[in-house]
Amino acid sequence: MNYETAYKFLIDQTVINEDNPDALLMRLQQGKPPVPGQITSILLALKVVFEGLKDATVVDKELAYVLYQLSIKSQQLFAAGRRVGVEWPPLLKEDLLRIAIATESIFSGKWQNLH
């Protein structure tokens, strides 16, 4: 996966509309778990974006918004689903935390892992 593909893939994961029913945020909003391999693909895309930007001093506004949505909005949707009784997969909370840590890594310029 190259930077442009990773960037587009991450944008696609945040689009909430009927044209993109498998976007992560769309699925979480509907109380559905991610499709198999989706979190792994998101984490890979985040790592590719990290590598592409690790020496950058500025992040484009669109990418910043996508990273915000993936790290914060996904956890908000997870919590909202939990409040209404959605039974999420057992490791989804940790997976969303991994996404948040990966997005933080992009901003800090230093790759971090879940400890």
PDB file of N, CA and C in Angstrom:
ATOM      1  N   MET A   1       0.854  -1.176   0.000  1.00  0.00           N
ATOM      2  CA  MET A   1       0.000   0.000   0.000  1.00  0.00           C
ATOM      3  C   MET A   1       0.900   1.239   0.000  1.00  0.00           C
ATOM      4  N   ASN A   2       0.621   2.169  -0.895  1.00  0.00           N
ATOM      5  CA  ASN A   2       1.395   3.406  -0.915  1.00  0.00           C
ATOM      6  C   ASN A   2       0.635   4.507  -0.164  1.00  0.00           C
ATOM      7  N   TYR A   3       1.281   5.659  -0.025  1.00  0.00           N
ATOM      8  CA  TYR A   3       0.707   6.758   0.756  1.00  0.00           C
ATOM      9  C   TYR A   3      -0.655   7.200   0.219  1.00  0.00           C
ATOM     10  N   GLU A   4      -0.762   7.401  -1.087  1.00  0.00           N
ATOM     11  CA  GLU A   4      -2.015   7.885  -1.682  1.00  0.00           C
ATOM     12  C   GLU A   4      -3.148   6.893  -1.458  1.00  0.00           C
ATOM     13  N   THR A   5      -2.861   5.603  -1.626  1.00  0.00           N
ATOM     14  CA  THR A   5      -3.874   4.568  -1.406  1.00  0.00           C
ATOM     15  C   THR A   5      -4.292   4.539   0.059  1.00  0.00           C
ATOM     16  N   ALA A   6      -3.317   4.622   0.955  1.00  0.00           N
ATOM     17  CA  ALA A   6      -3.610   4.622   2.391  1.00  0.00           C
ATOM     18  C   ALA A   6      -4.464   5.827   2.769  1.00  0.00           C
ATOM     19  N   TYR A   7      -4.106   6.993   2.259  1.00  0.00           N
ATOM     20  CA  TYR A   7      -4.836   8.232   2.535  1.00  0.00           C
ATOM     21  C   TYR A   7      -6.295   8.087   2.109  1.00  0.00           C
ATOM     22  N   LYS A   8      -6.512   7.634   0.876  1.00  0.00           N
ATOM     23  CA  LYS A   8      -7.873   7.467   0.354  1.00  0.00           C
ATOM     24  C   LYS A   8      -8.637   6.418   1.161  1.00  0.00           C
ATOM     25  N   PHE A   9      -7.980   5.331   1.497  1.00  0.00           N
ATOM     26  CA  PHE A   9      -8.624   4.279   2.277  1.00  0.00           C
ATOM     27  C   PHE A   9      -9.103   4.826   3.627  1.00  0.00           C
ATOM     28  N   LEU A  10      -8.259   5.613   4.284  1.00  0.00           N
ATOM     29  CA  LEU A  10      -8.649   6.178   5.581  1.00  0.00           C
ATOM     30  C   LEU A  10      -9.827   7.133   5.427  1.00  0.00           C
ATOM     31  N   ILE A  11      -9.820   7.932   4.389  1.00  0.00           N
ATOM     32  CA  ILE A  11     -10.967   8.817   4.137  1.00  0.00           C
ATOM     33  C   ILE A  11     -12.232   7.984   3.952  1.00  0.00           C
ATOM     34  N   ASP A  12     -12.134   6.934   3.159  1.00  0.00           N
ATOM     35  CA  ASP A  12     -13.294   6.082   2.899  1.00  0.00           C
ATOM     36  C   ASP A  12     -13.857   5.455   4.180  1.00  0.00           C
ATOM     37  N   GLN A  13     -13.012   5.218   5.159  1.00  0.00           N
ATOM     38  CA  GLN A  13     -13.465   4.599   6.407  1.00  0.00           C
ATOM     39  C   GLN A  13     -14.294   5.550   7.277  1.00  0.00           C
ATOM     40  N   THR A  14     -14.249   6.835   6.956  1.00  0.00           N
ATOM     41  CA  THR A  14     -14.968   7.817   7.765  1.00  0.00           C
ATOM     42  C   THR A  14     -16.227   8.349   7.086  1.00  0.00           C
ATOM     43  N   VAL A  15     -16.467   7.949   5.847  1.00  0.00           N
ATOM     44  CA  VAL A  15     -17.639   8.432   5.109  1.00  0.00           C
ATOM     45  C   VAL A  15     -18.883   7.714   5.624  1.00  0.00           C
ATOM     46  N   ILE A  16     -19.838   8.506   6.114  1.00  0.00           N
ATOM     47  CA  ILE A  16     -21.080   7.922   6.620  1.00  0.00           C
ATOM     48  C   ILE A  16     -22.191   8.250   5.626  1.00  0.00           C
ATOM     49  N   ASN A  17     -22.395   7.323   4.681  1.00  0.00           N
ATOM     50  CA  ASN A  17     -23.529   7.423   3.758  1.00  0.00           C
ATOM     51  C   ASN A  17     -23.813   6.039   3.184  1.00  0.00           C
ATOM     52  N   GLU A  18     -24.939   5.920   2.542  1.00  0.00           N
ATOM     53  CA  GLU A  18     -25.372   4.607   2.038  1.00  0.00           C
ATOM     54  C   GLU A  18     -24.524   4.095   0.886  1.00  0.00           C
ATOM     55  N   ASP A  19     -23.741   4.966   0.268  1.00  0.00           N
ATOM     56  CA  ASP A  19     -22.866   4.545  -0.828  1.00  0.00           C
ATOM     57  C   ASP A  19     -21.657   3.777  -0.316  1.00  0.00           C
ATOM     58  N   ASN A  20     -21.399   3.862   0.966  1.00  0.00           N
ATOM     59  CA  ASN A  20     -20.223   3.232   1.563  1.00  0.00           C
ATOM     60  C   ASN A  20     -20.644   2.476   2.835  1.00  0.00           C
ATOM     61  N   PRO A  21     -21.441   1.402   2.678  1.00  0.00           N
ATOM     62  CA  PRO A  21     -21.997   0.724   3.853  1.00  0.00           C
ATOM     63  C   PRO A  21     -20.961   0.026   4.734  1.00  0.00           C
ATOM     64  N   ASP A  22     -19.781  -0.243   4.211  1.00  0.00           N
ATOM     65  CA  ASP A  22     -18.770  -0.942   5.008  1.00  0.00           C
ATOM     66  C   ASP A  22     -17.728  -0.012   5.622  1.00  0.00           C
ATOM     67  N   ALA A  23     -17.924   1.289   5.520  1.00  0.00           N
ATOM     68  CA  ALA A  23     -17.009   2.232   6.186  1.00  0.00           C
ATOM     69  C   ALA A  23     -17.076   1.970   7.690  1.00  0.00           C
ATOM     70  N   LEU A  24     -15.946   2.053   8.343  1.00  0.00           N
ATOM     71  CA  LEU A  24     -15.902   1.757   9.781  1.00  0.00           C
ATOM     72  C   LEU A  24     -16.905   2.594  10.563  1.00  0.00           C
ATOM     73  N   LEU A  25     -16.916   3.903  10.352  1.00  0.00           N
ATOM     74  CA  LEU A  25     -17.829   4.744  11.124  1.00  0.00           C
ATOM     75  C   LEU A  25     -19.284   4.445  10.807  1.00  0.00           C
ATOM     76  N   MET A  26     -19.592   4.106   9.572  1.00  0.00           N
ATOM     77  CA  MET A  26     -20.962   3.736   9.194  1.00  0.00           C
ATOM     78  C   MET A  26     -21.386   2.478   9.939  1.00  0.00           C
ATOM     79  N   ARG A  27     -20.522   1.474   9.962  1.00  0.00           N
ATOM     80  CA  ARG A  27     -20.850   0.214  10.642  1.00  0.00           C
ATOM     81  C   ARG A  27     -21.024   0.442  12.143  1.00  0.00           C
ATOM     82  N   LEU A  28     -20.118   1.208  12.752  1.00  0.00           N
ATOM     83  CA  LEU A  28     -20.229   1.470  14.183  1.00  0.00           C
ATOM     84  C   LEU A  28     -21.505   2.248  14.492  1.00  0.00           C
ATOM     85  N   GLN A  29     -21.843   3.211  13.648  1.00  0.00           N
ATOM     86  CA  GLN A  29     -23.058   3.995  13.852  1.00  0.00           C
ATOM     87  C   GLN A  29     -24.301   3.105  13.794  1.00  0.00           C
ATOM     88  N   GLN A  30     -24.243   2.065  12.987  1.00  0.00           N
ATOM     89  CA  GLN A  30     -25.364   1.138  12.849  1.00  0.00           C
ATOM     90  C   GLN A  30     -25.338   0.017  13.892  1.00  0.00           C
ATOM     91  N   GLY A  31     -24.338   0.036  14.766  1.00  0.00           N
ATOM     92  CA  GLY A  31     -24.232  -1.008  15.773  1.00  0.00           C
ATOM     93  C   GLY A  31     -23.699  -2.323  15.236  1.00  0.00           C
ATOM     94  N   LYS A  32     -22.973  -2.248  14.121  1.00  0.00           N
ATOM     95  CA  LYS A  32     -22.391  -3.438  13.499  1.00  0.00           C
ATOM     96  C   LYS A  32     -20.885  -3.444  13.742  1.00  0.00           C
ATOM     97  N   PRO A  33     -20.311  -4.625  13.908  1.00  0.00           N
ATOM     98  CA  PRO A  33     -18.854  -4.702  14.084  1.00  0.00           C
ATOM     99  C   PRO A  33     -18.146  -4.444  12.749  1.00  0.00           C
ATOM    100  N   PRO A  34     -16.855  -4.144  12.812  1.00  0.00           N
ATOM    101  CA  PRO A  34     -16.088  -3.991  11.567  1.00  0.00           C
ATOM    102  C   PRO A  34     -16.114  -5.292  10.760  1.00  0.00           C
ATOM    103  N   VAL A  35     -15.944  -5.177   9.456  1.00  0.00           N
ATOM    104  CA  VAL A  35     -15.837  -6.379   8.633  1.00  0.00           C
ATOM    105  C   VAL A  35     -14.498  -7.047   8.941  1.00  0.00           C
ATOM    106  N   PRO A  36     -14.387  -8.353   8.753  1.00  0.00           N
ATOM    107  CA  PRO A  36     -13.117  -9.029   9.039  1.00  0.00           C
ATOM    108  C   PRO A  36     -11.951  -8.385   8.284  1.00  0.00           C
ATOM    109  N   GLY A  37     -10.881  -8.133   9.005  1.00  0.00           N
ATOM    110  CA  GLY A  37      -9.681  -7.544   8.424  1.00  0.00           C
ATOM    111  C   GLY A  37      -9.696  -6.031   8.316  1.00  0.00           C
ATOM    112  N   GLN A  38     -10.837  -5.409   8.606  1.00  0.00           N
ATOM    113  CA  GLN A  38     -10.955  -3.958   8.445  1.00  0.00           C
ATOM    114  C   GLN A  38     -10.032  -3.189   9.384  1.00  0.00           C
ATOM    115  N   ILE A  39      -9.982  -3.572  10.640  1.00  0.00           N
ATOM    116  CA  ILE A  39      -9.129  -2.881  11.611  1.00  0.00           C
ATOM    117  C   ILE A  39      -7.661  -3.060  11.224  1.00  0.00           C
ATOM    118  N   THR A  40      -7.290  -4.253  10.829  1.00  0.00           N
ATOM    119  CA  THR A  40      -5.911  -4.511  10.406  1.00  0.00           C
ATOM    120  C   THR A  40      -5.545  -3.625   9.219  1.00  0.00           C
ATOM    121  N   SER A  41      -6.449  -3.494   8.261  1.00  0.00           N
ATOM    122  CA  SER A  41      -6.197  -2.649   7.094  1.00  0.00           C
ATOM    123  C   SER A  41      -6.082  -1.178   7.490  1.00  0.00           C
ATOM    124  N   ILE A  42      -6.913  -0.740   8.433  1.00  0.00           N
ATOM    125  CA  ILE A  42      -6.846   0.641   8.906  1.00  0.00           C
ATOM    126  C   ILE A  42      -5.502   0.885   9.591  1.00  0.00           C
ATOM    127  N   LEU A  43      -5.093  -0.038  10.444  1.00  0.00           N
ATOM    128  CA  LEU A  43      -3.811   0.109  11.135  1.00  0.00           C
ATOM    129  C   LEU A  43      -2.645   0.127  10.147  1.00  0.00           C
ATOM    130  N   LEU A  44      -2.707  -0.702   9.128  1.00  0.00           N
ATOM    131  CA  LEU A  44      -1.673  -0.704   8.093  1.00  0.00           C
ATOM    132  C   LEU A  44      -1.652   0.639   7.364  1.00  0.00           C
ATOM    133  N   ALA A  45      -2.827   1.147   7.004  1.00  0.00           N
ATOM    134  CA  ALA A  45      -2.907   2.431   6.318  1.00  0.00           C
ATOM    135  C   ALA A  45      -2.360   3.549   7.203  1.00  0.00           C
ATOM    136  N   LEU A  46      -2.669   3.505   8.492  1.00  0.00           N
ATOM    137  CA  LEU A  46      -2.146   4.515   9.417  1.00  0.00           C
ATOM    138  C   LEU A  46      -0.626   4.449   9.499  1.00  0.00           C
ATOM    139  N   LYS A  47      -0.068   3.254   9.487  1.00  0.00           N
ATOM    140  CA  LYS A  47       1.393   3.099   9.524  1.00  0.00           C
ATOM    141  C   LYS A  47       2.022   3.663   8.245  1.00  0.00           C
ATOM    142  N   VAL A  48       1.380   3.412   7.101  1.00  0.00           N
ATOM    143  CA  VAL A  48       1.890   3.945   5.832  1.00  0.00           C
ATOM    144  C   VAL A  48       1.837   5.474   5.845  1.00  0.00           C
ATOM    145  N   VAL A  49       0.742   6.041   6.344  1.00  0.00           N
ATOM    146  CA  VAL A  49       0.633   7.502   6.434  1.00  0.00           C
ATOM    147  C   VAL A  49       1.680   8.038   7.410  1.00  0.00           C
ATOM    148  N   PHE A  50       1.869   7.347   8.535  1.00  0.00           N
ATOM    149  CA  PHE A  50       2.906   7.749   9.484  1.00  0.00           C
ATOM    150  C   PHE A  50       4.266   7.818   8.804  1.00  0.00           C
ATOM    151  N   GLU A  51       4.628   6.767   8.076  1.00  0.00           N
ATOM    152  CA  GLU A  51       5.923   6.730   7.392  1.00  0.00           C
ATOM    153  C   GLU A  51       6.035   7.869   6.378  1.00  0.00           C
ATOM    154  N   GLY A  52       4.930   8.156   5.697  1.00  0.00           N
ATOM    155  CA  GLY A  52       4.949   9.215   4.708  1.00  0.00           C
ATOM    156  C   GLY A  52       5.055  10.613   5.304  1.00  0.00           C
ATOM    157  N   LEU A  53       4.642  10.754   6.554  1.00  0.00           N
ATOM    158  CA  LEU A  53       4.606  12.079   7.179  1.00  0.00           C
ATOM    159  C   LEU A  53       5.565  12.253   8.353  1.00  0.00           C
ATOM    160  N   LYS A  54       6.363  11.252   8.667  1.00  0.00           N
ATOM    161  CA  LYS A  54       7.133  11.336   9.913  1.00  0.00           C
ATOM    162  C   LYS A  54       8.089  12.522   9.975  1.00  0.00           C
ATOM    163  N   ASP A  55       8.502  13.047   8.851  1.00  0.00           N
ATOM    164  CA  ASP A  55       9.371  14.221   8.863  1.00  0.00           C
ATOM    165  C   ASP A  55       8.618  15.509   8.529  1.00  0.00           C
ATOM    166  N   ALA A  56       7.304  15.408   8.332  1.00  0.00           N
ATOM    167  CA  ALA A  56       6.506  16.582   7.981  1.00  0.00           C
ATOM    168  C   ALA A  56       6.286  17.458   9.218  1.00  0.00           C
ATOM    169  N   THR A  57       6.177  18.741   8.986  1.00  0.00           N
ATOM    170  CA  THR A  57       5.891  19.665  10.087  1.00  0.00           C
ATOM    171  C   THR A  57       4.433  20.121  10.056  1.00  0.00           C
ATOM    172  N   VAL A  58       3.722  19.799   8.965  1.00  0.00           N
ATOM    173  CA  VAL A  58       2.330  20.207   8.803  1.00  0.00           C
ATOM    174  C   VAL A  58       1.524  19.010   8.298  1.00  0.00           C
ATOM    175  N   VAL A  59       0.304  18.875   8.811  1.00  0.00           N
ATOM    176  CA  VAL A  59      -0.612  17.835   8.332  1.00  0.00           C
ATOM    177  C   VAL A  59      -1.789  18.539   7.681  1.00  0.00           C
ATOM    178  N   ASP A  60      -2.185  18.074   6.521  1.00  0.00           N
ATOM    179  CA  ASP A  60      -3.295  18.696   5.806  1.00  0.00           C
ATOM    180  C   ASP A  60      -4.601  18.577   6.600  1.00  0.00           C
ATOM    181  N   LYS A  61      -5.439  19.576   6.472  1.00  0.00           N
ATOM    182  CA  LYS A  61      -6.664  19.700   7.268  1.00  0.00           C
ATOM    183  C   LYS A  61      -7.593  18.497   7.072  1.00  0.00           C
ATOM    184  N   GLU A  62      -7.747  18.034   5.835  1.00  0.00           N
ATOM    185  CA  GLU A  62      -8.613  16.889   5.564  1.00  0.00           C
ATOM    186  C   GLU A  62      -8.101  15.648   6.298  1.00  0.00           C
ATOM    187  N   LEU A  63      -6.801  15.414   6.237  1.00  0.00           N
ATOM    188  CA  LEU A  63      -6.231  14.261   6.927  1.00  0.00           C
ATOM    189  C   LEU A  63      -6.391  14.401   8.439  1.00  0.00           C
ATOM    190  N   ALA A  64      -6.176  15.593   8.964  1.00  0.00           N
ATOM    191  CA  ALA A  64      -6.337  15.810  10.402  1.00  0.00           C
ATOM    192  C   ALA A  64      -7.763  15.463  10.837  1.00  0.00           C
ATOM    193  N   TYR A  65      -8.738  15.865  10.032  1.00  0.00           N
ATOM    194  CA  TYR A  65     -10.134  15.568  10.365  1.00  0.00           C
ATOM    195  C   TYR A  65     -10.411  14.065  10.308  1.00  0.00           C
ATOM    196  N   VAL A  66      -9.865  13.398   9.308  1.00  0.00           N
ATOM    197  CA  VAL A  66     -10.026  11.940   9.190  1.00  0.00           C
ATOM    198  C   VAL A  66      -9.410  11.245  10.407  1.00  0.00           C
ATOM    199  N   LEU A  67      -8.225  11.682  10.800  1.00  0.00           N
ATOM    200  CA  LEU A  67      -7.569  11.077  11.962  1.00  0.00           C
ATOM    201  C   LEU A  67      -8.378  11.310  13.232  1.00  0.00           C
ATOM    202  N   TYR A  68      -8.931  12.508  13.370  1.00  0.00           N
ATOM    203  CA  TYR A  68      -9.807  12.801  14.508  1.00  0.00           C
ATOM    204  C   TYR A  68     -10.999  11.839  14.524  1.00  0.00           C
ATOM    205  N   GLN A  69     -11.637  11.697  13.377  1.00  0.00           N
ATOM    206  CA  GLN A  69     -12.812  10.831  13.312  1.00  0.00           C
ATOM    207  C   GLN A  69     -12.463   9.385  13.648  1.00  0.00           C
ATOM    208  N   LEU A  70     -11.358   8.904  13.098  1.00  0.00           N
ATOM    209  CA  LEU A  70     -10.973   7.513  13.366  1.00  0.00           C
ATOM    210  C   LEU A  70     -10.613   7.297  14.829  1.00  0.00           C
ATOM    211  N   SER A  71      -9.986   8.274  15.454  1.00  0.00           N
ATOM    212  CA  SER A  71      -9.540   8.062  16.831  1.00  0.00           C
ATOM    213  C   SER A  71     -10.600   8.429  17.865  1.00  0.00           C
ATOM    214  N   ILE A  72     -11.327   9.514  17.661  1.00  0.00           N
ATOM    215  CA  ILE A  72     -12.280   9.978  18.664  1.00  0.00           C
ATOM    216  C   ILE A  72     -13.710   9.534  18.345  1.00  0.00           C
ATOM    217  N   LYS A  73     -14.166   9.819  17.147  1.00  0.00           N
ATOM    218  CA  LYS A  73     -15.557   9.507  16.794  1.00  0.00           C
ATOM    219  C   LYS A  73     -15.824   8.003  16.861  1.00  0.00           C
ATOM    220  N   SER A  74     -14.859   7.185  16.458  1.00  0.00           N
ATOM    221  CA  SER A  74     -15.065   5.731  16.518  1.00  0.00           C
ATOM    222  C   SER A  74     -15.287   5.289  17.968  1.00  0.00           C
ATOM    223  N   GLN A  75     -14.539   5.864  18.904  1.00  0.00           N
ATOM    224  CA  GLN A  75     -14.726   5.506  20.314  1.00  0.00           C
ATOM    225  C   GLN A  75     -16.048   6.038  20.851  1.00  0.00           C
ATOM    226  N   GLN A  76     -16.474   7.209  20.374  1.00  0.00           N
ATOM    227  CA  GLN A  76     -17.773   7.740  20.780  1.00  0.00           C
ATOM    228  C   GLN A  76     -18.901   6.848  20.284  1.00  0.00           C
ATOM    229  N   LEU A  77     -18.811   6.383  19.044  1.00  0.00           N
ATOM    230  CA  LEU A  77     -19.829   5.485  18.492  1.00  0.00           C
ATOM    231  C   LEU A  77     -19.828   4.148  19.221  1.00  0.00           C
ATOM    232  N   PHE A  78     -18.645   3.667  19.574  1.00  0.00           N
ATOM    233  CA  PHE A  78     -18.530   2.429  20.356  1.00  0.00           C
ATOM    234  C   PHE A  78     -19.256   2.592  21.694  1.00  0.00           C
ATOM    235  N   ALA A  79     -18.977   3.692  22.390  1.00  0.00           N
ATOM    236  CA  ALA A  79     -19.603   3.938  23.694  1.00  0.00           C
ATOM    237  C   ALA A  79     -21.111   4.111  23.557  1.00  0.00           C
ATOM    238  N   ALA A  80     -21.556   4.817  22.528  1.00  0.00           N
ATOM    239  CA  ALA A  80     -22.992   5.007  22.310  1.00  0.00           C
ATOM    240  C   ALA A  80     -23.677   3.666  22.051  1.00  0.00           C
ATOM    241  N   GLY A  81     -23.033   2.821  21.274  1.00  0.00           N
ATOM    242  CA  GLY A  81     -23.585   1.487  21.021  1.00  0.00           C
ATOM    243  C   GLY A  81     -23.670   0.667  22.285  1.00  0.00           C
ATOM    244  N   ARG A  82     -22.651   0.724  23.077  1.00  0.00           N
ATOM    245  CA  ARG A  82     -22.633  -0.009  24.343  1.00  0.00           C
ATOM    246  C   ARG A  82     -23.781   0.449  25.249  1.00  0.00           C
ATOM    247  N   ARG A  83     -24.027   1.779  25.279  1.00  0.00           N
ATOM    248  CA  ARG A  83     -25.105   2.319  26.121  1.00  0.00           C
ATOM    249  C   ARG A  83     -26.480   1.799  25.718  1.00  0.00           C
ATOM    250  N   VAL A  84     -26.667   1.503  24.432  1.00  0.00           N
ATOM    251  CA  VAL A  84     -27.972   1.000  23.986  1.00  0.00           C
ATOM    252  C   VAL A  84     -27.993  -0.520  23.849  1.00  0.00           C
ATOM    253  N   GLY A  85     -26.960  -1.177  24.375  1.00  0.00           N
ATOM    254  CA  GLY A  85     -26.969  -2.634  24.448  1.00  0.00           C
ATOM    255  C   GLY A  85     -26.319  -3.389  23.309  1.00  0.00           C
ATOM    256  N   VAL A  86     -25.571  -2.701  22.456  1.00  0.00           N
ATOM    257  CA  VAL A  86     -24.857  -3.408  21.385  1.00  0.00           C
ATOM    258  C   VAL A  86     -23.778  -4.274  22.023  1.00  0.00           C
ATOM    259  N   GLU A  87     -23.717  -5.525  21.594  1.00  0.00           N
ATOM    260  CA  GLU A  87     -22.661  -6.423  22.077  1.00  0.00           C
ATOM    261  C   GLU A  87     -21.552  -6.437  21.030  1.00  0.00           C
ATOM    262  N   TRP A  88     -20.535  -5.625  21.289  1.00  0.00           N
ATOM    263  CA  TRP A  88     -19.413  -5.512  20.364  1.00  0.00           C
ATOM    264  C   TRP A  88     -18.493  -6.723  20.493  1.00  0.00           C
ATOM    265  N   PRO A  89     -17.692  -7.001  19.457  1.00  0.00           N
ATOM    266  CA  PRO A  89     -16.695  -8.072  19.576  1.00  0.00           C
ATOM    267  C   PRO A  89     -15.763  -7.779  20.759  1.00  0.00           C
ATOM    268  N   PRO A  90     -15.268  -8.825  21.417  1.00  0.00           N
ATOM    269  CA  PRO A  90     -14.479  -8.648  22.638  1.00  0.00           C
ATOM    270  C   PRO A  90     -13.252  -7.755  22.510  1.00  0.00           C
ATOM    271  N   LEU A  91     -12.587  -7.733  21.389  1.00  0.00           N
ATOM    272  CA  LEU A  91     -11.346  -6.961  21.258  1.00  0.00           C
ATOM    273  C   LEU A  91     -11.532  -5.618  20.558  1.00  0.00           C
ATOM    274  N   LEU A  92     -12.773  -5.241  20.244  1.00  0.00           N
ATOM    275  CA  LEU A  92     -12.987  -4.007  19.493  1.00  0.00           C
ATOM    276  C   LEU A  92     -12.523  -2.780  20.264  1.00  0.00           C
ATOM    277  N   LYS A  93     -12.766  -2.736  21.552  1.00  0.00           N
ATOM    278  CA  LYS A  93     -12.332  -1.577  22.346  1.00  0.00           C
ATOM    279  C   LYS A  93     -10.815  -1.398  22.246  1.00  0.00           C
ATOM    280  N   GLU A  94     -10.065  -2.489  22.363  1.00  0.00           N
ATOM    281  CA  GLU A  94      -8.607  -2.417  22.252  1.00  0.00           C
ATOM    282  C   GLU A  94      -8.178  -2.048  20.836  1.00  0.00           C
ATOM    283  N   ASP A  95      -8.905  -2.552  19.831  1.00  0.00           N
ATOM    284  CA  ASP A  95      -8.587  -2.203  18.445  1.00  0.00           C
ATOM    285  C   ASP A  95      -8.772  -0.707  18.203  1.00  0.00           C
ATOM    286  N   LEU A  96      -9.836  -0.137  18.750  1.00  0.00           N
ATOM    287  CA  LEU A  96     -10.065   1.297  18.590  1.00  0.00           C
ATOM    288  C   LEU A  96      -8.992   2.102  19.322  1.00  0.00           C
ATOM    289  N   LEU A  97      -8.522   1.585  20.436  1.00  0.00           N
ATOM    290  CA  LEU A  97      -7.421   2.232  21.147  1.00  0.00           C
ATOM    291  C   LEU A  97      -6.144   2.176  20.312  1.00  0.00           C
ATOM    292  N   ARG A  98      -5.906   1.071  19.633  1.00  0.00           N
ATOM    293  CA  ARG A  98      -4.741   0.964  18.740  1.00  0.00           C
ATOM    294  C   ARG A  98      -4.816   2.003  17.621  1.00  0.00           C
ATOM    295  N   ILE A  99      -6.013   2.211  17.092  1.00  0.00           N
ATOM    296  CA  ILE A  99      -6.202   3.228  16.057  1.00  0.00           C
ATOM    297  C   ILE A  99      -5.876   4.603  16.627  1.00  0.00           C
ATOM    298  N   ALA A 100      -6.354   4.892  17.830  1.00  0.00           N
ATOM    299  CA  ALA A 100      -6.081   6.188  18.462  1.00  0.00           C
ATOM    300  C   ALA A 100      -4.584   6.385  18.689  1.00  0.00           C
ATOM    301  N   ILE A 101      -3.904   5.347  19.128  1.00  0.00           N
ATOM    302  CA  ILE A 101      -2.460   5.444  19.364  1.00  0.00           C
ATOM    303  C   ILE A 101      -1.713   5.651  18.047  1.00  0.00           C
ATOM    304  N   ALA A 102      -2.166   4.981  16.996  1.00  0.00           N
ATOM    305  CA  ALA A 102      -1.535   5.155  15.684  1.00  0.00           C
ATOM    306  C   ALA A 102      -1.742   6.577  15.170  1.00  0.00           C
ATOM    307  N   THR A 103      -2.924   7.144  15.376  1.00  0.00           N
ATOM    308  CA  THR A 103      -3.150   8.523  14.930  1.00  0.00           C
ATOM    309  C   THR A 103      -2.317   9.501  15.759  1.00  0.00           C
ATOM    310  N   GLU A 104      -2.189   9.235  17.041  1.00  0.00           N
ATOM    311  CA  GLU A 104      -1.322  10.069  17.887  1.00  0.00           C
ATOM    312  C   GLU A 104       0.122   9.997  17.383  1.00  0.00           C
ATOM    313  N   SER A 105       0.529   8.809  16.952  1.00  0.00           N
ATOM    314  CA  SER A 105       1.885   8.633  16.426  1.00  0.00           C
ATOM    315  C   SER A 105       2.128   9.507  15.206  1.00  0.00           C
ATOM    316  N   ILE A 106       1.117   9.642  14.352  1.00  0.00           N
ATOM    317  CA  ILE A 106       1.261  10.475  13.159  1.00  0.00           C
ATOM    318  C   ILE A 106       1.532  11.919  13.570  1.00  0.00           C
ATOM    319  N   PHE A 107       0.819  12.399  14.587  1.00  0.00           N
ATOM    320  CA  PHE A 107       1.021  13.777  15.034  1.00  0.00           C
ATOM    321  C   PHE A 107       2.341  13.972  15.781  1.00  0.00           C
ATOM    322  N   SER A 108       2.761  12.958  16.516  1.00  0.00           N
ATOM    323  CA  SER A 108       3.986  13.113  17.308  1.00  0.00           C
ATOM    324  C   SER A 108       5.260  12.851  16.503  1.00  0.00           C
ATOM    325  N   GLY A 109       5.130  12.087  15.422  1.00  0.00           N
ATOM    326  CA  GLY A 109       6.303  11.741  14.626  1.00  0.00           C
ATOM    327  C   GLY A 109       7.087  10.568  15.185  1.00  0.00           C
ATOM    328  N   LYS A 110       6.560   9.930  16.219  1.00  0.00           N
ATOM    329  CA  LYS A 110       7.214   8.766  16.824  1.00  0.00           C
ATOM    330  C   LYS A 110       6.182   7.656  16.965  1.00  0.00           C
ATOM    331  N   TRP A 111       6.469   6.501  16.353  1.00  0.00           N
ATOM    332  CA  TRP A 111       5.516   5.390  16.377  1.00  0.00           C
ATOM    333  C   TRP A 111       5.398   4.831  17.788  1.00  0.00           C
ATOM    334  N   GLN A 112       4.174   4.662  18.225  1.00  0.00           N
ATOM    335  CA  GLN A 112       3.894   4.128  19.559  1.00  0.00           C
ATOM    336  C   GLN A 112       3.062   2.858  19.413  1.00  0.00           C
ATOM    337  N   ASN A 113       3.193   1.972  20.368  1.00  0.00           N
ATOM    338  CA  ASN A 113       2.417   0.740  20.393  1.00  0.00           C
ATOM    339  C   ASN A 113       1.585   0.668  21.648  1.00  0.00           C
ATOM    340  N   LEU A 114       0.509  -0.096  21.591  1.00  0.00           N
ATOM    341  CA  LEU A 114      -0.303  -0.356  22.777  1.00  0.00           C
ATOM    342  C   LEU A 114       0.520  -1.222  23.713  1.00  0.00           C
ATOM    343  N   HIS A 115       0.667  -0.797  24.960  1.00  0.00           N
ATOM    344  CA  HIS A 115       1.474  -1.559  25.920  1.00  0.00           C
ATOM    345  C   HIS A 115       0.627  -2.476  26.727  1.00  0.00           C
TER     346      HIS A 115
END
